[in-house]
């Protein structure tokens, strides 16, 4: 999660060639730990 936030400027300006992608990149970062836990619980119920 912190890695995504720290790399957002490089990703948006250099790789995506569109600096405007910086804001969506920052906005989506907090979802990573949430999905990490929910995926484990889904795997439990599916098992």
ModelCIF file with pLDDT and N, C-alpha, C, O atoms, coordinates in Angstrom:
data_MODEL
#
_entry.id   MODEL 
#
_entity.id                         1 
_entity.type                       polymer 
_entity.pdbx_number_of_molecules   1 
#
_entity_poly.entity_id                      1 
_entity_poly.type                           'polypeptide(L)' 
_entity_poly.nstd_linkage                   no 
_entity_poly.nstd_monomer                   no 
_entity_poly.pdbx_seq_one_letter_code       
;(UNK)(UNK)(UNK)(UNK)(UNK)(UNK)(UNK)(UNK)(UNK)(UNK)(UNK)(UNK)(UNK)(UNK)(UNK)(UNK)
(UNK)(UNK)(UNK)(UNK)(UNK)(UNK)(UNK)(UNK)(UNK)(UNK)(UNK)(UNK)(UNK)(UNK)(UNK)(UNK)
(UNK)(UNK)(UNK)(UNK)(UNK)(UNK)(UNK)(UNK)(UNK)(UNK)(UNK)(UNK)(UNK)(UNK)(UNK)
;
_entity_poly.pdbx_seq_one_letter_code_can   XXXXXXXXXXXXXXXXXXXXXXXXXXXXXXXXXXXXXXXXXXXXXXX 
_entity_poly.pdbx_strand_id                 A 
#
loop_
_entity_poly_seq.entity_id 
_entity_poly_seq.num 
_entity_poly_seq.mon_id 
_entity_poly_seq.hetero 
1 1  UNK n 
1 2  UNK n 
1 3  UNK n 
1 4  UNK n 
1 5  UNK n 
1 6  UNK n 
1 7  UNK n 
1 8  UNK n 
1 9  UNK n 
1 10 UNK n 
1 11 UNK n 
1 12 UNK n 
1 13 UNK n 
1 14 UNK n 
1 15 UNK n 
1 16 UNK n 
1 17 UNK n 
1 18 UNK n 
1 19 UNK n 
1 20 UNK n 
1 21 UNK n 
1 22 UNK n 
1 23 UNK n 
1 24 UNK n 
1 25 UNK n 
1 26 UNK n 
1 27 UNK n 
1 28 UNK n 
1 29 UNK n 
1 30 UNK n 
1 31 UNK n 
1 32 UNK n 
1 33 UNK n 
1 34 UNK n 
1 35 UNK n 
1 36 UNK n 
1 37 UNK n 
1 38 UNK n 
1 39 UNK n 
1 40 UNK n 
1 41 UNK n 
1 42 UNK n 
1 43 UNK n 
1 44 UNK n 
1 45 UNK n 
1 46 UNK n 
1 47 UNK n 
#
_struct_asym.id          A 
_struct_asym.entity_id   1 
#
loop_
_ma_qa_metric.id 
_ma_qa_metric.mode 
_ma_qa_metric.name 
_ma_qa_metric.software_group_id 
_ma_qa_metric.type 
1 global pLDDT . pLDDT 
2 local  pLDDT . pLDDT 
#
_ma_qa_metric_global.metric_id      1 
_ma_qa_metric_global.metric_value   86.09 
_ma_qa_metric_global.model_id       1 
_ma_qa_metric_global.ordinal_id     1 
#
loop_
_ma_qa_metric_local.label_asym_id 
_ma_qa_metric_local.label_comp_id 
_ma_qa_metric_local.label_seq_id 
_ma_qa_metric_local.metric_id 
_ma_qa_metric_local.metric_value 
_ma_qa_metric_local.model_id 
_ma_qa_metric_local.ordinal_id 
A UNK 1  2 89.00 1 1  
A UNK 2  2 91.00 1 2  
A UNK 3  2 89.00 1 3  
A UNK 4  2 87.00 1 4  
A UNK 5  2 89.00 1 5  
A UNK 6  2 90.00 1 6  
A UNK 7  2 87.00 1 7  
A UNK 8  2 86.00 1 8  
A UNK 9  2 86.00 1 9  
A UNK 10 2 85.00 1 10 
A UNK 11 2 83.00 1 11 
A UNK 12 2 82.00 1 12 
A UNK 13 2 81.00 1 13 
A UNK 14 2 79.00 1 14 
A UNK 15 2 76.00 1 15 
A UNK 16 2 75.00 1 16 
A UNK 17 2 70.00 1 17 
A UNK 18 2 77.00 1 18 
A UNK 19 2 83.00 1 19 
A UNK 20 2 85.00 1 20 
A UNK 21 2 84.00 1 21 
A UNK 22 2 88.00 1 22 
A UNK 23 2 87.00 1 23 
A UNK 24 2 87.00 1 24 
A UNK 25 2 88.00 1 25 
A UNK 26 2 90.00 1 26 
A UNK 27 2 88.00 1 27 
A UNK 28 2 86.00 1 28 
A UNK 29 2 87.00 1 29 
A UNK 30 2 89.00 1 30 
A UNK 31 2 87.00 1 31 
A UNK 32 2 88.00 1 32 
A UNK 33 2 90.00 1 33 
A UNK 34 2 92.00 1 34 
A UNK 35 2 89.00 1 35 
A UNK 36 2 88.00 1 36 
A UNK 37 2 91.00 1 37 
A UNK 38 2 91.00 1 38 
A UNK 39 2 89.00 1 39 
A UNK 40 2 90.00 1 40 
A UNK 41 2 91.00 1 41 
A UNK 42 2 89.00 1 42 
A UNK 43 2 88.00 1 43 
A UNK 44 2 88.00 1 44 
A UNK 45 2 87.00 1 45 
A UNK 46 2 84.00 1 46 
A UNK 47 2 80.00 1 47 
#
loop_
_atom_site.group_PDB 
_atom_site.id 
_atom_site.type_symbol 
_atom_site.label_atom_id 
_atom_site.label_alt_id 
_atom_site.label_comp_id 
_atom_site.label_asym_id 
_atom_site.label_entity_id 
_atom_site.label_seq_id 
_atom_site.pdbx_PDB_ins_code 
_atom_site.Cartn_x 
_atom_site.Cartn_y 
_atom_site.Cartn_z 
_atom_site.occupancy 
_atom_site.B_iso_or_equiv 
_atom_site.pdbx_formal_charge 
_atom_site.auth_seq_id 
_atom_site.auth_comp_id 
_atom_site.auth_asym_id 
_atom_site.auth_atom_id 
_atom_site.pdbx_PDB_model_num 
ATOM 1   N N  . UNK A 1 1  ? 0.821   -1.212  0.000   1.00 89.00 ? 1  UNK A N  1 
ATOM 2   C CA . UNK A 1 1  ? 0.000   0.000   0.000   1.00 89.00 ? 1  UNK A CA 1 
ATOM 3   C C  . UNK A 1 1  ? 0.858   1.267   0.000   1.00 89.00 ? 1  UNK A C  1 
ATOM 4   O O  . UNK A 1 1  ? 0.642   2.139   -0.842  1.00 89.00 ? 1  UNK A O  1 
ATOM 5   N N  . UNK A 1 2  ? 1.829   1.400   0.920   1.00 91.00 ? 2  UNK A N  1 
ATOM 6   C CA . UNK A 1 2  ? 2.705   2.586   0.840   1.00 91.00 ? 2  UNK A CA 1 
ATOM 7   C C  . UNK A 1 2  ? 3.523   2.624   -0.449  1.00 91.00 ? 2  UNK A C  1 
ATOM 8   O O  . UNK A 1 2  ? 3.798   3.699   -0.982  1.00 91.00 ? 2  UNK A O  1 
ATOM 9   N N  . UNK A 1 3  ? 3.915   1.441   -0.951  1.00 89.00 ? 3  UNK A N  1 
ATOM 10  C CA . UNK A 1 3  ? 4.705   1.410   -2.189  1.00 89.00 ? 3  UNK A CA 1 
ATOM 11  C C  . UNK A 1 3  ? 3.913   1.996   -3.349  1.00 89.00 ? 3  UNK A C  1 
ATOM 12  O O  . UNK A 1 3  ? 4.462   2.732   -4.169  1.00 89.00 ? 3  UNK A O  1 
ATOM 13  N N  . UNK A 1 4  ? 2.624   1.675   -3.422  1.00 87.00 ? 4  UNK A N  1 
ATOM 14  C CA . UNK A 1 4  ? 1.779   2.216   -4.490  1.00 87.00 ? 4  UNK A CA 1 
ATOM 15  C C  . UNK A 1 4  ? 1.678   3.737   -4.389  1.00 87.00 ? 4  UNK A C  1 
ATOM 16  O O  . UNK A 1 4  ? 1.724   4.437   -5.400  1.00 87.00 ? 4  UNK A O  1 
ATOM 17  N N  . UNK A 1 5  ? 1.542   4.240   -3.169  1.00 89.00 ? 5  UNK A N  1 
ATOM 18  C CA . UNK A 1 5  ? 1.435   5.693   -2.975  1.00 89.00 ? 5  UNK A CA 1 
ATOM 19  C C  . UNK A 1 5  ? 2.738   6.390   -3.364  1.00 89.00 ? 5  UNK A C  1 
ATOM 20  O O  . UNK A 1 5  ? 2.725   7.436   -4.013  1.00 89.00 ? 5  UNK A O  1 
ATOM 21  N N  . UNK A 1 6  ? 3.858   5.801   -2.960  1.00 90.00 ? 6  UNK A N  1 
ATOM 22  C CA . UNK A 1 6  ? 5.158   6.415   -3.248  1.00 90.00 ? 6  UNK A CA 1 
ATOM 23  C C  . UNK A 1 6  ? 5.507   6.368   -4.744  1.00 90.00 ? 6  UNK A C  1 
ATOM 24  O O  . UNK A 1 6  ? 6.164   7.272   -5.260  1.00 90.00 ? 6  UNK A O  1 
ATOM 25  N N  . UNK A 1 7  ? 5.067   5.316   -5.428  1.00 87.00 ? 7  UNK A N  1 
ATOM 26  C CA . UNK A 1 7  ? 5.386   5.163   -6.850  1.00 87.00 ? 7  UNK A CA 1 
ATOM 27  C C  . UNK A 1 7  ? 4.391   5.875   -7.764  1.00 87.00 ? 7  UNK A C  1 
ATOM 28  O O  . UNK A 1 7  ? 4.612   5.962   -8.972  1.00 87.00 ? 7  UNK A O  1 
ATOM 29  N N  . UNK A 1 8  ? 3.305   6.382   -7.199  1.00 86.00 ? 8  UNK A N  1 
ATOM 30  C CA . UNK A 1 8  ? 2.257   7.007   -8.020  1.00 86.00 ? 8  UNK A CA 1 
ATOM 31  C C  . UNK A 1 8  ? 2.781   8.120   -8.933  1.00 86.00 ? 8  UNK A C  1 
ATOM 32  O O  . UNK A 1 8  ? 2.401   8.151   -10.103 1.00 86.00 ? 8  UNK A O  1 
ATOM 33  N N  . UNK A 1 9  ? 3.640   9.044   -8.453  1.00 86.00 ? 9  UNK A N  1 
ATOM 34  C CA . UNK A 1 9  ? 4.133   10.096  -9.356  1.00 86.00 ? 9  UNK A CA 1 
ATOM 35  C C  . UNK A 1 9  ? 4.906   9.539   -10.552 1.00 86.00 ? 9  UNK A C  1 
ATOM 36  O O  . UNK A 1 9  ? 4.731   9.997   -11.681 1.00 86.00 ? 9  UNK A O  1 
ATOM 37  N N  . UNK A 1 10 ? 5.770   8.540   -10.293 1.00 85.00 ? 10 UNK A N  1 
ATOM 38  C CA . UNK A 1 10 ? 6.544   7.947   -11.389 1.00 85.00 ? 10 UNK A CA 1 
ATOM 39  C C  . UNK A 1 10 ? 5.639   7.221   -12.380 1.00 85.00 ? 10 UNK A C  1 
ATOM 40  O O  . UNK A 1 10 ? 5.795   7.364   -13.593 1.00 85.00 ? 10 UNK A O  1 
ATOM 41  N N  . UNK A 1 11 ? 4.695   6.443   -11.859 1.00 83.00 ? 11 UNK A N  1 
ATOM 42  C CA . UNK A 1 11 ? 3.787   5.688   -12.732 1.00 83.00 ? 11 UNK A CA 1 
ATOM 43  C C  . UNK A 1 11 ? 2.981   6.622   -13.630 1.00 83.00 ? 11 UNK A C  1 
ATOM 44  O O  . UNK A 1 11 ? 2.855   6.387   -14.832 1.00 83.00 ? 11 UNK A O  1 
ATOM 45  N N  . UNK A 1 12 ? 2.440   7.678   -13.035 1.00 82.00 ? 12 UNK A N  1 
ATOM 46  C CA . UNK A 1 12 ? 1.549   8.564   -13.793 1.00 82.00 ? 12 UNK A CA 1 
ATOM 47  C C  . UNK A 1 12 ? 2.298   9.379   -14.845 1.00 82.00 ? 12 UNK A C  1 
ATOM 48  O O  . UNK A 1 12 ? 1.806   9.547   -15.960 1.00 82.00 ? 12 UNK A O  1 
ATOM 49  N N  . UNK A 1 13 ? 3.461   9.876   -14.508 1.00 81.00 ? 13 UNK A N  1 
ATOM 50  C CA . UNK A 1 13 ? 4.174   10.785  -15.411 1.00 81.00 ? 13 UNK A CA 1 
ATOM 51  C C  . UNK A 1 13 ? 5.023   10.060  -16.443 1.00 81.00 ? 13 UNK A C  1 
ATOM 52  O O  . UNK A 1 13 ? 5.116   10.507  -17.587 1.00 81.00 ? 13 UNK A O  1 
ATOM 53  N N  . UNK A 1 14 ? 5.648   8.945   -16.059 1.00 79.00 ? 14 UNK A N  1 
ATOM 54  C CA . UNK A 1 14 ? 6.600   8.275   -16.943 1.00 79.00 ? 14 UNK A CA 1 
ATOM 55  C C  . UNK A 1 14 ? 5.979   7.114   -17.707 1.00 79.00 ? 14 UNK A C  1 
ATOM 56  O O  . UNK A 1 14 ? 6.086   7.043   -18.931 1.00 79.00 ? 14 UNK A O  1 
ATOM 57  N N  . UNK A 1 15 ? 5.327   6.202   -16.983 1.00 76.00 ? 15 UNK A N  1 
ATOM 58  C CA . UNK A 1 15 ? 4.823   4.993   -17.643 1.00 76.00 ? 15 UNK A CA 1 
ATOM 59  C C  . UNK A 1 15 ? 3.496   5.228   -18.357 1.00 76.00 ? 15 UNK A C  1 
ATOM 60  O O  . UNK A 1 15 ? 3.316   4.789   -19.493 1.00 76.00 ? 15 UNK A O  1 
ATOM 61  N N  . UNK A 1 16 ? 2.566   5.919   -17.696 1.00 75.00 ? 16 UNK A N  1 
ATOM 62  C CA . UNK A 1 16 ? 1.255   6.130   -18.313 1.00 75.00 ? 16 UNK A CA 1 
ATOM 63  C C  . UNK A 1 16 ? 1.231   7.332   -19.253 1.00 75.00 ? 16 UNK A C  1 
ATOM 64  O O  . UNK A 1 16 ? 0.267   7.515   -19.997 1.00 75.00 ? 16 UNK A O  1 
ATOM 65  N N  . UNK A 1 17 ? 2.274   8.145   -19.229 1.00 70.00 ? 17 UNK A N  1 
ATOM 66  C CA . UNK A 1 17 ? 2.405   9.347   -20.071 1.00 70.00 ? 17 UNK A CA 1 
ATOM 67  C C  . UNK A 1 17 ? 1.218   10.298  -19.915 1.00 70.00 ? 17 UNK A C  1 
ATOM 68  O O  . UNK A 1 17 ? 0.942   11.100  -20.807 1.00 70.00 ? 17 UNK A O  1 
ATOM 69  N N  . UNK A 1 18 ? 0.515   10.210  -18.778 1.00 77.00 ? 18 UNK A N  1 
ATOM 70  C CA . UNK A 1 18 ? -0.604  11.121  -18.514 1.00 77.00 ? 18 UNK A CA 1 
ATOM 71  C C  . UNK A 1 18 ? -0.604  11.434  -17.016 1.00 77.00 ? 18 UNK A C  1 
ATOM 72  O O  . UNK A 1 18 ? -1.086  10.622  -16.227 1.00 77.00 ? 18 UNK A O  1 
ATOM 73  N N  . UNK A 1 19 ? -0.068  12.607  -16.599 1.00 83.00 ? 19 UNK A N  1 
ATOM 74  C CA . UNK A 1 19 ? 0.053   12.936  -15.168 1.00 83.00 ? 19 UNK A CA 1 
ATOM 75  C C  . UNK A 1 19 ? -1.268  12.910  -14.411 1.00 83.00 ? 19 UNK A C  1 
ATOM 76  O O  . UNK A 1 19 ? -1.276  12.807  -13.184 1.00 83.00 ? 19 UNK A O  1 
ATOM 77  N N  . UNK A 1 20 ? -2.386  13.003  -15.127 1.00 85.00 ? 20 UNK A N  1 
ATOM 78  C CA . UNK A 1 20 ? -3.686  13.038  -14.454 1.00 85.00 ? 20 UNK A CA 1 
ATOM 79  C C  . UNK A 1 20 ? -4.035  11.711  -13.787 1.00 85.00 ? 20 UNK A C  1 
ATOM 80  O O  . UNK A 1 20 ? -4.929  11.668  -12.942 1.00 85.00 ? 20 UNK A O  1 
ATOM 81  N N  . UNK A 1 21 ? -3.344  10.619  -14.152 1.00 84.00 ? 21 UNK A N  1 
ATOM 82  C CA . UNK A 1 21 ? -3.624  9.318   -13.520 1.00 84.00 ? 21 UNK A CA 1 
ATOM 83  C C  . UNK A 1 21 ? -3.120  9.260   -12.073 1.00 84.00 ? 21 UNK A C  1 
ATOM 84  O O  . UNK A 1 21 ? -3.399  8.294   -11.363 1.00 84.00 ? 21 UNK A O  1 
ATOM 85  N N  . UNK A 1 22 ? -2.385  10.280  -11.634 1.00 88.00 ? 22 UNK A N  1 
ATOM 86  C CA . UNK A 1 22 ? -1.846  10.297  -10.265 1.00 88.00 ? 22 UNK A CA 1 
ATOM 87  C C  . UNK A 1 22 ? -2.971  10.241  -9.225  1.00 88.00 ? 22 UNK A C  1 
ATOM 88  O O  . UNK A 1 22 ? -2.878  9.492   -8.252  1.00 88.00 ? 22 UNK A O  1 
ATOM 89  N N  . UNK A 1 23 ? -4.014  11.018  -9.426  1.00 87.00 ? 23 UNK A N  1 
ATOM 90  C CA . UNK A 1 23 ? -5.069  11.110  -8.418  1.00 87.00 ? 23 UNK A CA 1 
ATOM 91  C C  . UNK A 1 23 ? -5.872  9.810   -8.271  1.00 87.00 ? 23 UNK A C  1 
ATOM 92  O O  . UNK A 1 23 ? -6.133  9.401   -7.140  1.00 87.00 ? 23 UNK A O  1 
ATOM 93  N N  . UNK A 1 24 ? -6.273  9.144   -9.359  1.00 87.00 ? 24 UNK A N  1 
ATOM 94  C CA . UNK A 1 24 ? -6.917  7.833   -9.191  1.00 87.00 ? 24 UNK A CA 1 
ATOM 95  C C  . UNK A 1 24 ? -6.001  6.801   -8.537  1.00 87.00 ? 24 UNK A C  1 
ATOM 96  O O  . UNK A 1 24 ? -6.474  5.959   -7.773  1.00 87.00 ? 24 UNK A O  1 
ATOM 97  N N  . UNK A 1 25 ? -4.687  6.852   -8.826  1.00 88.00 ? 25 UNK A N  1 
ATOM 98  C CA . UNK A 1 25 ? -3.747  5.913   -8.198  1.00 88.00 ? 25 UNK A CA 1 
ATOM 99  C C  . UNK A 1 25 ? -3.715  6.091   -6.684  1.00 88.00 ? 25 UNK A C  1 
ATOM 100 O O  . UNK A 1 25 ? -3.746  5.112   -5.939  1.00 88.00 ? 25 UNK A O  1 
ATOM 101 N N  . UNK A 1 26 ? -3.655  7.327   -6.237  1.00 90.00 ? 26 UNK A N  1 
ATOM 102 C CA . UNK A 1 26 ? -3.634  7.605   -4.794  1.00 90.00 ? 26 UNK A CA 1 
ATOM 103 C C  . UNK A 1 26 ? -4.956  7.195   -4.153  1.00 90.00 ? 26 UNK A C  1 
ATOM 104 O O  . UNK A 1 26 ? -4.978  6.659   -3.045  1.00 90.00 ? 26 UNK A O  1 
ATOM 105 N N  . UNK A 1 27 ? -6.049  7.448   -4.853  1.00 88.00 ? 27 UNK A N  1 
ATOM 106 C CA . UNK A 1 27 ? -7.382  7.186   -4.280  1.00 88.00 ? 27 UNK A CA 1 
ATOM 107 C C  . UNK A 1 27 ? -7.634  5.702   -4.054  1.00 88.00 ? 27 UNK A C  1 
ATOM 108 O O  . UNK A 1 27 ? -8.334  5.330   -3.112  1.00 88.00 ? 27 UNK A O  1 
ATOM 109 N N  . UNK A 1 28 ? -7.064  4.838   -4.920  1.00 86.00 ? 28 UNK A N  1 
ATOM 110 C CA . UNK A 1 28 ? -7.366  3.404   -4.838  1.00 86.00 ? 28 UNK A CA 1 
ATOM 111 C C  . UNK A 1 28 ? -6.492  2.692   -3.820  1.00 86.00 ? 28 UNK A C  1 
ATOM 112 O O  . UNK A 1 28 ? -6.818  1.572   -3.429  1.00 86.00 ? 28 UNK A O  1 
ATOM 113 N N  . UNK A 1 29 ? -5.392  3.297   -3.374  1.00 87.00 ? 29 UNK A N  1 
ATOM 114 C CA . UNK A 1 29 ? -4.432  2.615   -2.502  1.00 87.00 ? 29 UNK A CA 1 
ATOM 115 C C  . UNK A 1 29 ? -5.045  2.031   -1.224  1.00 87.00 ? 29 UNK A C  1 
ATOM 116 O O  . UNK A 1 29 ? -4.699  0.904   -0.868  1.00 87.00 ? 29 UNK A O  1 
ATOM 117 N N  . UNK A 1 30 ? -5.942  2.738   -0.512  1.00 89.00 ? 30 UNK A N  1 
ATOM 118 C CA . UNK A 1 30 ? -6.459  2.191   0.758   1.00 89.00 ? 30 UNK A CA 1 
ATOM 119 C C  . UNK A 1 30 ? -7.267  0.905   0.623   1.00 89.00 ? 30 UNK A C  1 
ATOM 120 O O  . UNK A 1 30 ? -7.522  0.233   1.622   1.00 89.00 ? 30 UNK A O  1 
ATOM 121 N N  . UNK A 1 31 ? -7.677  0.550   -0.602  1.00 87.00 ? 31 UNK A N  1 
ATOM 122 C CA . UNK A 1 31 ? -8.507  -0.648  -0.757  1.00 87.00 ? 31 UNK A CA 1 
ATOM 123 C C  . UNK A 1 31 ? -7.688  -1.933  -0.637  1.00 87.00 ? 31 UNK A C  1 
ATOM 124 O O  . UNK A 1 31 ? -8.253  -3.006  -0.424  1.00 87.00 ? 31 UNK A O  1 
ATOM 125 N N  . UNK A 1 32 ? -6.365  -1.835  -0.771  1.00 88.00 ? 32 UNK A N  1 
ATOM 126 C CA . UNK A 1 32 ? -5.516  -3.040  -0.810  1.00 88.00 ? 32 UNK A CA 1 
ATOM 127 C C  . UNK A 1 32 ? -5.636  -3.872  0.472   1.00 88.00 ? 32 UNK A C  1 
ATOM 128 O O  . UNK A 1 32 ? -5.918  -5.067  0.372   1.00 88.00 ? 32 UNK A O  1 
ATOM 129 N N  . UNK A 1 33 ? -5.436  -3.305  1.679   1.00 90.00 ? 33 UNK A N  1 
ATOM 130 C CA . UNK A 1 33 ? -5.582  -4.132  2.892   1.00 90.00 ? 33 UNK A CA 1 
ATOM 131 C C  . UNK A 1 33 ? -7.008  -4.628  3.109   1.00 90.00 ? 33 UNK A C  1 
ATOM 132 O O  . UNK A 1 33 ? -7.215  -5.692  3.693   1.00 90.00 ? 33 UNK A O  1 
ATOM 133 N N  . UNK A 1 34 ? -7.982  -3.867  2.645   1.00 92.00 ? 34 UNK A N  1 
ATOM 134 C CA . UNK A 1 34 ? -9.381  -4.294  2.800   1.00 92.00 ? 34 UNK A CA 1 
ATOM 135 C C  . UNK A 1 34 ? -9.634  -5.560  1.995   1.00 92.00 ? 34 UNK A C  1 
ATOM 136 O O  . UNK A 1 34 ? -10.199 -6.524  2.511   1.00 92.00 ? 34 UNK A O  1 
ATOM 137 N N  . UNK A 1 35 ? -9.218  -5.558  0.733   1.00 89.00 ? 35 UNK A N  1 
ATOM 138 C CA . UNK A 1 35 ? -9.414  -6.735  -0.117  1.00 89.00 ? 35 UNK A CA 1 
ATOM 139 C C  . UNK A 1 35 ? -8.561  -7.902  0.375   1.00 89.00 ? 35 UNK A C  1 
ATOM 140 O O  . UNK A 1 35 ? -8.956  -9.059  0.230   1.00 89.00 ? 35 UNK A O  1 
ATOM 141 N N  . UNK A 1 36 ? -7.390  -7.611  0.956   1.00 88.00 ? 36 UNK A N  1 
ATOM 142 C CA . UNK A 1 36 ? -6.518  -8.672  1.473   1.00 88.00 ? 36 UNK A CA 1 
ATOM 143 C C  . UNK A 1 36 ? -7.247  -9.518  2.517   1.00 88.00 ? 36 UNK A C  1 
ATOM 144 O O  . UNK A 1 36 ? -7.167  -10.746 2.490   1.00 88.00 ? 36 UNK A O  1 
ATOM 145 N N  . UNK A 1 37 ? -7.952  -8.864  3.431   1.00 91.00 ? 37 UNK A N  1 
ATOM 146 C CA . UNK A 1 37 ? -8.676  -9.583  4.488   1.00 91.00 ? 37 UNK A CA 1 
ATOM 147 C C  . UNK A 1 37 ? -9.944  -10.242 3.932   1.00 91.00 ? 37 UNK A C  1 
ATOM 148 O O  . UNK A 1 37 ? -10.234 -11.394 4.254   1.00 91.00 ? 37 UNK A O  1 
ATOM 149 N N  . UNK A 1 38 ? -10.697 -9.520  3.104   1.00 91.00 ? 38 UNK A N  1 
ATOM 150 C CA . UNK A 1 38 ? -11.964 -10.072 2.596   1.00 91.00 ? 38 UNK A CA 1 
ATOM 151 C C  . UNK A 1 38 ? -11.723 -11.298 1.713   1.00 91.00 ? 38 UNK A C  1 
ATOM 152 O O  . UNK A 1 38 ? -12.547 -12.212 1.703   1.00 91.00 ? 38 UNK A O  1 
ATOM 153 N N  . UNK A 1 39 ? -10.616 -11.337 0.975   1.00 89.00 ? 39 UNK A N  1 
ATOM 154 C CA . UNK A 1 39 ? -10.339 -12.487 0.115   1.00 89.00 ? 39 UNK A CA 1 
ATOM 155 C C  . UNK A 1 39 ? -10.073 -13.740 0.942   1.00 89.00 ? 39 UNK A C  1 
ATOM 156 O O  . UNK A 1 39 ? -10.430 -14.844 0.530   1.00 89.00 ? 39 UNK A O  1 
ATOM 157 N N  . UNK A 1 40 ? -9.449  -13.576 2.107   1.00 90.00 ? 40 UNK A N  1 
ATOM 158 C CA . UNK A 1 40 ? -9.217  -14.724 2.987   1.00 90.00 ? 40 UNK A CA 1 
ATOM 159 C C  . UNK A 1 40 ? -10.549 -15.266 3.513   1.00 90.00 ? 40 UNK A C  1 
ATOM 160 O O  . UNK A 1 40 ? -10.757 -16.479 3.550   1.00 90.00 ? 40 UNK A O  1 
ATOM 161 N N  . UNK A 1 41 ? -11.441 -14.374 3.914   1.00 91.00 ? 41 UNK A N  1 
ATOM 162 C CA . UNK A 1 41 ? -12.749 -14.805 4.426   1.00 91.00 ? 41 UNK A CA 1 
ATOM 163 C C  . UNK A 1 41 ? -13.583 -15.464 3.331   1.00 91.00 ? 41 UNK A C  1 
ATOM 164 O O  . UNK A 1 41 ? -14.287 -16.440 3.589   1.00 91.00 ? 41 UNK A O  1 
ATOM 165 N N  . UNK A 1 42 ? -13.506 -14.932 2.105   1.00 89.00 ? 42 UNK A N  1 
ATOM 166 C CA . UNK A 1 42 ? -14.230 -15.576 1.003   1.00 89.00 ? 42 UNK A CA 1 
ATOM 167 C C  . UNK A 1 42 ? -13.682 -16.980 0.737   1.00 89.00 ? 42 UNK A C  1 
ATOM 168 O O  . UNK A 1 42 ? -14.447 -17.918 0.512   1.00 89.00 ? 42 UNK A O  1 
ATOM 169 N N  . UNK A 1 43 ? -12.358 -17.114 0.765   1.00 88.00 ? 43 UNK A N  1 
ATOM 170 C CA . UNK A 1 43 ? -11.764 -18.433 0.580   1.00 88.00 ? 43 UNK A CA 1 
ATOM 171 C C  . UNK A 1 43 ? -12.206 -19.412 1.649   1.00 88.00 ? 43 UNK A C  1 
ATOM 172 O O  . UNK A 1 43 ? -12.418 -20.590 1.364   1.00 88.00 ? 43 UNK A O  1 
ATOM 173 N N  . UNK A 1 44 ? -12.349 -18.929 2.889   1.00 88.00 ? 44 UNK A N  1 
ATOM 174 C CA . UNK A 1 44 ? -12.819 -19.771 3.994   1.00 88.00 ? 44 UNK A CA 1 
ATOM 175 C C  . UNK A 1 44 ? -14.231 -20.296 3.730   1.00 88.00 ? 44 UNK A C  1 
ATOM 176 O O  . UNK A 1 44 ? -14.488 -21.493 3.851   1.00 88.00 ? 44 UNK A O  1 
ATOM 177 N N  . UNK A 1 45 ? -15.148 -19.384 3.367   1.00 87.00 ? 45 UNK A N  1 
ATOM 178 C CA . UNK A 1 45 ? -16.531 -19.801 3.127   1.00 87.00 ? 45 UNK A CA 1 
ATOM 179 C C  . UNK A 1 45 ? -16.633 -20.715 1.896   1.00 87.00 ? 45 UNK A C  1 
ATOM 180 O O  . UNK A 1 45 ? -17.403 -21.676 1.906   1.00 87.00 ? 45 UNK A O  1 
ATOM 181 N N  . UNK A 1 46 ? -15.868 -20.424 0.844   1.00 84.00 ? 46 UNK A N  1 
ATOM 182 C CA . UNK A 1 46 ? -15.905 -21.265 -0.357  1.00 84.00 ? 46 UNK A CA 1 
ATOM 183 C C  . UNK A 1 46 ? -15.352 -22.658 -0.066  1.00 84.00 ? 46 UNK A C  1 
ATOM 184 O O  . UNK A 1 46 ? -15.850 -23.651 -0.597  1.00 84.00 ? 46 UNK A O  1 
ATOM 185 N N  . UNK A 1 47 ? -14.315 -22.729 0.783   1.00 80.00 ? 47 UNK A N  1 
ATOM 186 C CA . UNK A 1 47 ? -13.774 -24.031 1.158   1.00 80.00 ? 47 UNK A CA 1 
ATOM 187 C C  . UNK A 1 47 ? -14.789 -24.885 1.898   1.00 80.00 ? 47 UNK A C  1 
ATOM 188 O O  . UNK A 1 47 ? -14.483 -26.014 2.282   1.00 80.00 ? 47 UNK A O  1 
#
